[in-house]
């Protein structure tokens, strides 16, 4: 199957599918957009050196789609008004995340946005939280762009190097996906510990 996917890697349809998956997973975090990016990168690695521009295009496509999805969620949450505020207030996790995000953006600590991009559903919480709290776009979007580019480059690199080290096989894809999930678990762990550290200080 990787061979067939690799033959389509330069097709605009592959990029459209990847972009759509990434845009939508800010609303549906269960979508395996990261797995898809890694699989496409693994298939691309099976080609010749002339495929390198396709890898770069995949990275830019994934990063751009990530920022676009963040922006859509941000704008929808901004216009959500009282209804969204009430929904967030009913969730202790969302309320806490919104407060932490606001404090981080206010002091220029947008690294939280980058970290959240790797954590499960972290992108959704951050994008919706920034919009619902009416944070300025100029405070949020640059960090969203950095988060999208970092996540896209990491995901593509996992697929690319995994295929070169282990061969363009499902084993390479599985190891790369495991590394992506590991990064997500690590990001979630750091985000959980950060409030405790700040409370203790």
Protein backbone atom coordinates (compact mmCIF):
# COMPACT_ATOMS: atom_id res chain seq x y z
CA UNK A 1 0.00 0.00 0.00
CA UNK A 2 2.88 2.36 0.76
CA UNK A 3 4.08 1.86 -2.80
CA UNK A 4 0.69 2.98 -4.17
CA UNK A 5 0.61 5.94 -1.80
CA UNK A 6 4.13 6.84 -2.83
CA UNK A 7 3.07 6.96 -6.49
CA UNK A 8 0.45 9.55 -5.52
CA UNK A 9 2.69 11.66 -3.32
CA UNK A 10 3.12 14.34 -5.99
CA UNK A 11 -0.59 14.40 -6.80
CA UNK A 12 -2.58 17.44 -5.68
CA UNK A 13 -5.20 15.04 -4.29
CA UNK A 14 -2.80 13.75 -1.65
CA UNK A 15 -2.11 17.26 -0.44
CA UNK A 16 -5.82 18.07 -0.45
CA UNK A 17 -6.60 15.02 1.69
CA UNK A 18 -3.77 15.82 4.10
CA UNK A 19 -4.82 19.47 4.36
CA UNK A 20 -8.49 18.64 4.91
CA UNK A 21 -7.66 16.11 7.61
CA UNK A 22 -5.47 18.59 9.47
CA UNK A 23 -7.97 21.45 9.20
CA UNK A 24 -10.79 19.29 10.51
CA UNK A 25 -8.94 17.64 13.38
CA UNK A 26 -9.03 20.87 15.39
CA UNK A 27 -12.76 20.10 15.68
CA UNK A 28 -12.46 16.30 15.58
CA UNK A 29 -9.21 15.42 17.40
CA UNK A 30 -9.84 11.72 16.72
CA UNK A 31 -8.91 12.24 13.06
CA UNK A 32 -5.50 10.62 12.46
CA UNK A 33 -3.95 13.58 10.64
CA UNK A 34 -0.53 12.98 12.19
CA UNK A 35 -0.60 9.34 11.13
CA UNK A 36 -1.58 10.40 7.61
CA UNK A 37 1.29 12.90 7.36
CA UNK A 38 3.78 10.28 8.56
CA UNK A 39 2.42 7.68 6.12
CA UNK A 40 2.68 10.07 3.18
CA UNK A 41 6.21 11.06 4.19
CA UNK A 42 7.18 7.40 4.50
CA UNK A 43 5.84 6.71 1.03
CA UNK A 44 7.72 9.72 -0.36
CA UNK A 45 10.95 8.41 1.15
CA UNK A 46 10.61 5.31 -1.00
CA UNK A 47 11.16 7.45 -4.09
CA UNK A 48 14.31 8.99 -5.49
CA UNK A 49 16.13 12.11 -4.38
CA UNK A 50 13.96 14.13 -6.78
CA UNK A 51 11.09 13.61 -4.33
CA UNK A 52 12.66 16.01 -1.81
CA UNK A 53 10.62 18.99 -3.09
CA UNK A 54 7.49 16.91 -2.47
CA UNK A 55 8.60 16.42 1.13
CA UNK A 56 9.05 20.16 1.48
CA UNK A 57 5.65 20.73 -0.10
CA UNK A 58 4.11 18.23 2.32
CA UNK A 59 5.66 20.06 5.26
CA UNK A 60 4.38 23.43 4.05
CA UNK A 61 0.96 21.96 3.27
CA UNK A 62 0.66 20.43 6.74
CA UNK A 63 1.87 23.58 8.48
CA UNK A 64 -0.44 25.85 6.47
CA UNK A 65 -3.45 23.59 7.07
CA UNK A 66 -2.66 23.53 10.79
CA UNK A 67 -2.65 27.33 11.01
CA UNK A 68 -5.79 27.56 8.86
CA UNK A 69 -7.64 25.13 11.13
CA UNK A 70 -6.48 27.07 14.20
CA UNK A 71 -7.68 30.31 12.64
CA UNK A 72 -11.11 28.89 11.77
CA UNK A 73 -11.55 27.55 15.31
CA UNK A 74 -10.28 30.84 16.77
CA UNK A 75 -12.73 32.94 14.72
CA UNK A 76 -15.68 30.64 15.42
CA UNK A 77 -14.93 30.72 19.15
CA UNK A 78 -14.51 34.51 19.01
CA UNK A 79 -18.01 34.82 17.57
CA UNK A 80 -19.45 32.10 19.78
CA UNK A 81 -20.36 34.62 22.41
CA UNK A 82 -22.16 33.74 25.62
CA UNK A 83 -23.12 30.24 24.48
CA UNK A 84 -19.50 29.14 24.10
CA UNK A 85 -18.52 30.90 27.32
CA UNK A 86 -21.20 28.93 29.17
CA UNK A 87 -20.00 25.67 27.59
CA UNK A 88 -16.41 26.37 28.66
CA UNK A 89 -17.45 27.38 32.17
CA UNK A 90 -19.10 23.98 32.65
CA UNK A 91 -15.77 22.24 32.12
CA UNK A 92 -13.11 22.70 34.77
CA UNK A 93 -10.42 21.53 32.36
CA UNK A 94 -11.44 24.00 29.64
CA UNK A 95 -11.75 26.85 32.15
CA UNK A 96 -8.30 26.14 33.56
CA UNK A 97 -6.80 25.80 30.09
CA UNK A 98 -8.38 29.09 29.02
CA UNK A 99 -7.02 30.91 32.07
CA UNK A 100 -3.53 29.49 31.60
CA UNK A 101 -3.56 30.33 27.91
CA UNK A 102 -4.61 33.90 28.59
CA UNK A 103 -1.87 34.35 31.19
CA UNK A 104 0.74 32.78 28.90
CA UNK A 105 -0.17 34.95 25.93
CA UNK A 106 -0.31 38.07 28.08
CA UNK A 107 3.27 37.56 29.24
CA UNK A 108 4.51 36.46 25.82
CA UNK A 109 4.72 32.81 26.83
CA UNK A 110 3.25 31.46 23.63
CA UNK A 111 5.44 28.38 23.93
CA UNK A 112 2.32 26.86 25.50
CA UNK A 113 0.65 27.06 22.08
CA UNK A 114 3.54 25.13 20.51
CA UNK A 115 3.56 22.53 23.28
CA UNK A 116 -0.21 22.08 23.08
CA UNK A 117 0.03 21.30 19.34
CA UNK A 118 1.59 17.96 20.23
CA UNK A 119 -0.68 17.10 23.16
CA UNK A 120 -3.90 15.14 22.50
CA UNK A 121 -6.69 17.66 21.83
CA UNK A 122 -4.35 20.43 23.01
CA UNK A 123 -4.65 22.28 19.71
CA UNK A 124 -8.44 22.34 20.04
CA UNK A 125 -8.37 23.67 23.59
CA UNK A 126 -5.83 26.37 22.77
CA UNK A 127 -7.45 27.59 19.54
CA UNK A 128 -10.98 27.63 20.90
CA UNK A 129 -9.81 29.05 24.22
CA UNK A 130 -7.92 31.91 22.57
CA UNK A 131 -10.95 32.83 20.50
CA UNK A 132 -13.45 32.52 23.34
CA UNK A 133 -11.26 34.72 25.56
CA UNK A 134 -10.97 37.28 22.73
CA UNK A 135 -7.18 37.15 22.76
CA UNK A 136 -5.65 39.36 20.10
CA UNK A 137 -4.87 37.60 16.83
CA UNK A 138 -1.39 39.11 16.78
CA UNK A 139 -0.69 37.44 20.13
CA UNK A 140 -2.01 34.05 19.05
CA UNK A 141 -1.41 33.52 15.33
CA UNK A 142 2.40 33.84 15.26
CA UNK A 143 2.62 31.12 17.90
CA UNK A 144 0.06 29.06 16.00
CA UNK A 145 2.24 29.34 12.89
CA UNK A 146 5.33 28.26 14.83
CA UNK A 147 3.37 25.38 16.38
CA UNK A 148 2.05 24.24 13.00
CA UNK A 149 5.47 24.38 11.37
CA UNK A 150 7.15 22.57 14.27
CA UNK A 151 4.53 19.83 14.34
CA UNK A 152 4.55 19.42 10.55
CA UNK A 153 8.35 19.31 10.32
CA UNK A 154 8.55 16.79 13.17
CA UNK A 155 5.86 14.54 11.69
CA UNK A 156 7.33 14.62 8.18
CA UNK A 157 10.84 14.02 9.53
CA UNK A 158 9.62 10.99 11.48
CA UNK A 159 8.17 9.42 8.34
CA UNK A 160 11.13 10.36 6.14
CA UNK A 161 13.95 9.25 8.43
CA UNK A 162 12.02 6.26 9.71
CA UNK A 163 11.69 4.98 6.16
CA UNK A 164 15.39 5.52 5.45
CA UNK A 165 16.45 3.76 8.62
CA UNK A 166 13.91 0.93 8.64
CA UNK A 167 12.82 0.81 5.01
CA UNK A 168 9.58 2.05 3.48
CA UNK A 169 7.43 -0.47 5.35
CA UNK A 170 4.63 -0.59 7.86
CA UNK A 171 7.27 -1.16 10.57
CA UNK A 172 8.82 2.22 9.79
CA UNK A 173 5.39 3.84 9.85
CA UNK A 174 4.49 2.18 13.15
CA UNK A 175 7.75 3.26 14.82
CA UNK A 176 7.32 6.81 13.54
CA UNK A 177 3.71 6.98 14.74
CA UNK A 178 4.86 5.68 18.12
CA UNK A 179 7.40 8.51 18.30
CA UNK A 180 4.67 11.03 17.46
CA UNK A 181 2.41 9.67 20.20
CA UNK A 182 5.38 9.70 22.57
CA UNK A 183 5.89 13.39 21.89
CA UNK A 184 2.19 13.97 22.53
CA UNK A 185 2.33 12.12 25.84
CA UNK A 186 5.41 14.09 26.84
CA UNK A 187 3.74 17.40 25.96
CA UNK A 188 0.64 16.47 27.95
CA UNK A 189 2.80 15.52 30.95
CA UNK A 190 4.70 18.82 30.87
CA UNK A 191 1.46 20.79 30.56
CA UNK A 192 -0.01 18.98 33.58
CA UNK A 193 3.08 19.62 35.70
CA UNK A 194 3.48 23.28 34.78
CA UNK A 195 0.60 24.58 36.92
CA UNK A 196 1.86 22.68 39.96
CA UNK A 197 5.32 24.14 39.52
CA UNK A 198 3.91 27.67 39.28
CA UNK A 199 1.71 27.10 42.36
CA UNK A 200 4.70 25.87 44.37
CA UNK A 201 6.81 28.91 43.48
